[in-house]
Amino acid sequence: MEIQSVEDRPDASFRRLTGVRKRTFHEMVPVLHTAEVCRKERGGKPNHLAVATRLLMTLEYWREYRTYLHIG
C-alpha cells in the first residue's frame, strides 16, 4: 500500500490501520531517513521504496501480521 493512499484517511482510521497516529508517523520518517543515510555511507544496494512506504509496510505488518502479498 502506498503512503499516498492512506495519507487522506482521518487520524482514527490511520491509527486503526497502523497502530500509530499520523503525527507520530511523520516524526518517525525523518529519524529513519537519518539512520538510513548513516547506514548507506558504508555502501549497499539502493532501496526501491521510499522510507515512508517501508515504514508503512512495517507498521501494517506489526499491527496485523498480514503477509507482504496483502500489504503490497
N, C-alpha and C. Protein backbone atom coordinates (compact mmCIF):
# COMPACT_ATOMS: atom_id res chain seq x y z
N MET A 1 0.85 -1.17 0.00
CA MET A 1 0.00 0.00 0.00
C MET A 1 0.90 1.23 0.00
N GLU A 2 0.61 2.14 -0.87
CA GLU A 2 1.40 3.37 -0.97
C GLU A 2 0.95 4.37 0.09
N ILE A 3 1.88 5.19 0.52
CA ILE A 3 1.60 6.18 1.55
C ILE A 3 0.56 7.19 1.07
N GLN A 4 0.51 7.48 -0.23
CA GLN A 4 -0.46 8.44 -0.73
C GLN A 4 -1.89 7.95 -0.56
N SER A 5 -2.10 6.65 -0.60
CA SER A 5 -3.45 6.11 -0.49
C SER A 5 -3.99 6.18 0.94
N VAL A 6 -3.12 6.24 1.94
CA VAL A 6 -3.60 6.32 3.32
C VAL A 6 -3.43 7.71 3.92
N GLU A 7 -2.75 8.59 3.21
CA GLU A 7 -2.50 9.94 3.72
C GLU A 7 -3.79 10.73 3.90
N ASP A 8 -4.78 10.47 3.07
CA ASP A 8 -6.05 11.20 3.13
C ASP A 8 -7.01 10.67 4.18
N ARG A 9 -6.69 9.57 4.79
CA ARG A 9 -7.58 8.99 5.80
C ARG A 9 -7.59 9.85 7.06
N PRO A 10 -8.70 9.83 7.78
CA PRO A 10 -8.73 10.52 9.08
C PRO A 10 -7.74 9.87 10.05
N ASP A 11 -7.36 10.62 11.08
CA ASP A 11 -6.36 10.13 12.02
C ASP A 11 -6.80 8.82 12.69
N ALA A 12 -8.08 8.71 13.02
CA ALA A 12 -8.56 7.48 13.68
C ALA A 12 -8.43 6.27 12.75
N SER A 13 -8.74 6.45 11.49
CA SER A 13 -8.61 5.35 10.53
C SER A 13 -7.15 4.99 10.29
N PHE A 14 -6.29 5.99 10.22
CA PHE A 14 -4.85 5.76 10.05
C PHE A 14 -4.30 5.00 11.24
N ARG A 15 -4.73 5.38 12.43
CA ARG A 15 -4.25 4.72 13.64
C ARG A 15 -4.75 3.28 13.71
N ARG A 16 -5.97 3.04 13.28
CA ARG A 16 -6.51 1.68 13.28
C ARG A 16 -5.74 0.80 12.30
N LEU A 17 -5.30 1.39 11.20
CA LEU A 17 -4.56 0.64 10.18
C LEU A 17 -3.13 0.34 10.61
N THR A 18 -2.45 1.34 11.22
CA THR A 18 -1.02 1.20 11.51
C THR A 18 -0.68 1.02 12.98
N GLY A 19 -1.53 1.49 13.87
CA GLY A 19 -1.24 1.40 15.30
C GLY A 19 -0.60 2.66 15.86
N VAL A 20 -0.31 3.65 15.01
CA VAL A 20 0.28 4.91 15.46
C VAL A 20 -0.50 6.07 14.86
N ARG A 21 -0.39 7.23 15.50
CA ARG A 21 -1.05 8.42 14.96
C ARG A 21 -0.26 8.96 13.78
N LYS A 22 -0.93 9.76 12.95
CA LYS A 22 -0.25 10.36 11.80
C LYS A 22 0.92 11.22 12.24
N ARG A 23 0.74 11.95 13.32
CA ARG A 23 1.81 12.82 13.81
C ARG A 23 3.04 11.99 14.19
N THR A 24 2.82 10.89 14.87
CA THR A 24 3.92 10.01 15.24
C THR A 24 4.59 9.43 14.01
N PHE A 25 3.79 9.04 13.03
CA PHE A 25 4.33 8.50 11.79
C PHE A 25 5.23 9.52 11.11
N HIS A 26 4.77 10.76 11.04
CA HIS A 26 5.55 11.80 10.37
C HIS A 26 6.79 12.19 11.18
N GLU A 27 6.80 11.91 12.47
CA GLU A 27 8.01 12.13 13.26
C GLU A 27 9.00 10.97 13.10
N MET A 28 8.50 9.78 12.80
CA MET A 28 9.36 8.62 12.64
C MET A 28 10.12 8.63 11.31
N VAL A 29 9.52 9.19 10.27
CA VAL A 29 10.13 9.16 8.95
C VAL A 29 11.50 9.84 8.91
N PRO A 30 11.66 11.09 9.44
CA PRO A 30 13.00 11.70 9.40
C PRO A 30 14.04 10.94 10.22
N VAL A 31 13.63 10.35 11.31
CA VAL A 31 14.57 9.57 12.14
C VAL A 31 15.08 8.37 11.35
N LEU A 32 14.16 7.67 10.68
CA LEU A 32 14.57 6.52 9.88
C LEU A 32 15.41 6.94 8.68
N HIS A 33 15.07 8.08 8.10
CA HIS A 33 15.85 8.57 6.95
C HIS A 33 17.29 8.88 7.38
N THR A 34 17.46 9.51 8.52
CA THR A 34 18.80 9.81 9.04
C THR A 34 19.58 8.53 9.31
N ALA A 35 18.92 7.54 9.90
CA ALA A 35 19.58 6.27 10.17
C ALA A 35 19.97 5.57 8.88
N GLU A 36 19.13 5.68 7.86
CA GLU A 36 19.44 5.04 6.59
C GLU A 36 20.62 5.72 5.91
N VAL A 37 20.71 7.03 5.99
CA VAL A 37 21.84 7.75 5.39
C VAL A 37 23.14 7.30 6.06
N CYS A 38 23.13 7.19 7.38
CA CYS A 38 24.33 6.72 8.10
C CYS A 38 24.70 5.30 7.70
N ARG A 39 23.71 4.46 7.52
CA ARG A 39 23.96 3.08 7.15
C ARG A 39 24.46 2.96 5.72
N LYS A 40 23.94 3.79 4.83
CA LYS A 40 24.32 3.73 3.42
C LYS A 40 25.70 4.31 3.15
N GLU A 41 26.27 5.03 4.10
CA GLU A 41 27.63 5.54 3.92
C GLU A 41 28.62 4.40 3.77
N ARG A 42 28.30 3.27 4.34
CA ARG A 42 29.17 2.10 4.25
C ARG A 42 28.97 1.33 2.95
N GLY A 43 27.99 1.72 2.16
CA GLY A 43 27.72 1.05 0.89
C GLY A 43 26.47 0.21 0.97
N GLY A 44 26.15 -0.43 -0.12
CA GLY A 44 24.98 -1.29 -0.17
C GLY A 44 24.10 -0.94 -1.36
N LYS A 45 23.11 -1.78 -1.57
CA LYS A 45 22.19 -1.57 -2.68
C LYS A 45 21.22 -0.45 -2.36
N PRO A 46 20.81 0.30 -3.37
CA PRO A 46 19.79 1.32 -3.14
C PRO A 46 18.42 0.66 -2.97
N ASN A 47 17.58 1.29 -2.18
CA ASN A 47 16.22 0.77 -1.98
C ASN A 47 15.31 1.32 -3.07
N HIS A 48 14.36 0.50 -3.46
CA HIS A 48 13.42 0.91 -4.49
C HIS A 48 12.21 1.63 -3.88
N LEU A 49 11.96 1.41 -2.61
CA LEU A 49 10.82 2.04 -1.94
C LEU A 49 11.30 3.17 -1.04
N ALA A 50 10.48 4.17 -0.92
CA ALA A 50 10.80 5.31 -0.05
C ALA A 50 10.73 4.88 1.42
N VAL A 51 11.36 5.66 2.26
CA VAL A 51 11.39 5.36 3.70
C VAL A 51 9.96 5.32 4.26
N ALA A 52 9.13 6.28 3.87
CA ALA A 52 7.76 6.34 4.39
C ALA A 52 6.96 5.10 3.98
N THR A 53 7.16 4.64 2.77
CA THR A 53 6.44 3.45 2.30
C THR A 53 6.90 2.21 3.05
N ARG A 54 8.20 2.07 3.26
CA ARG A 54 8.71 0.93 4.02
C ARG A 54 8.23 0.96 5.47
N LEU A 55 8.18 2.16 6.05
CA LEU A 55 7.68 2.28 7.42
C LEU A 55 6.22 1.90 7.48
N LEU A 56 5.43 2.34 6.52
CA LEU A 56 4.02 1.99 6.48
C LEU A 56 3.83 0.49 6.38
N MET A 57 4.60 -0.16 5.52
CA MET A 57 4.51 -1.61 5.37
C MET A 57 4.88 -2.32 6.67
N THR A 58 5.91 -1.84 7.34
CA THR A 58 6.35 -2.45 8.60
C THR A 58 5.28 -2.30 9.68
N LEU A 59 4.72 -1.11 9.80
CA LEU A 59 3.70 -0.89 10.82
C LEU A 59 2.45 -1.72 10.55
N GLU A 60 2.06 -1.85 9.29
CA GLU A 60 0.91 -2.69 8.97
C GLU A 60 1.21 -4.14 9.29
N TYR A 61 2.41 -4.59 9.00
CA TYR A 61 2.79 -5.97 9.30
C TYR A 61 2.76 -6.23 10.80
N TRP A 62 3.36 -5.33 11.58
CA TRP A 62 3.36 -5.50 13.03
C TRP A 62 1.96 -5.41 13.61
N ARG A 63 1.12 -4.60 13.01
CA ARG A 63 -0.23 -4.40 13.54
C ARG A 63 -1.10 -5.63 13.33
N GLU A 64 -1.06 -6.20 12.13
CA GLU A 64 -2.00 -7.26 11.78
C GLU A 64 -1.34 -8.57 11.39
N TYR A 65 -0.02 -8.60 11.29
CA TYR A 65 0.72 -9.77 10.82
C TYR A 65 0.20 -10.25 9.47
N ARG A 66 -0.08 -9.28 8.59
CA ARG A 66 -0.52 -9.60 7.24
C ARG A 66 0.69 -10.02 6.42
N THR A 67 0.44 -10.78 5.38
CA THR A 67 1.54 -11.18 4.50
C THR A 67 1.90 -10.01 3.60
N TYR A 68 3.10 -10.04 3.08
CA TYR A 68 3.54 -8.96 2.20
C TYR A 68 2.73 -8.94 0.90
N LEU A 69 2.15 -10.08 0.52
CA LEU A 69 1.30 -10.11 -0.65
C LEU A 69 0.08 -9.21 -0.44
N HIS A 70 -0.52 -9.25 0.74
CA HIS A 70 -1.68 -8.43 1.04
C HIS A 70 -1.31 -6.96 1.23
N ILE A 71 -0.16 -6.71 1.84
CA ILE A 71 0.28 -5.32 2.07
C ILE A 71 0.60 -4.63 0.76
N GLY A 72 1.29 -5.33 -0.13
CA GLY A 72 1.71 -4.76 -1.41
C GLY A 72 0.51 -4.49 -2.28
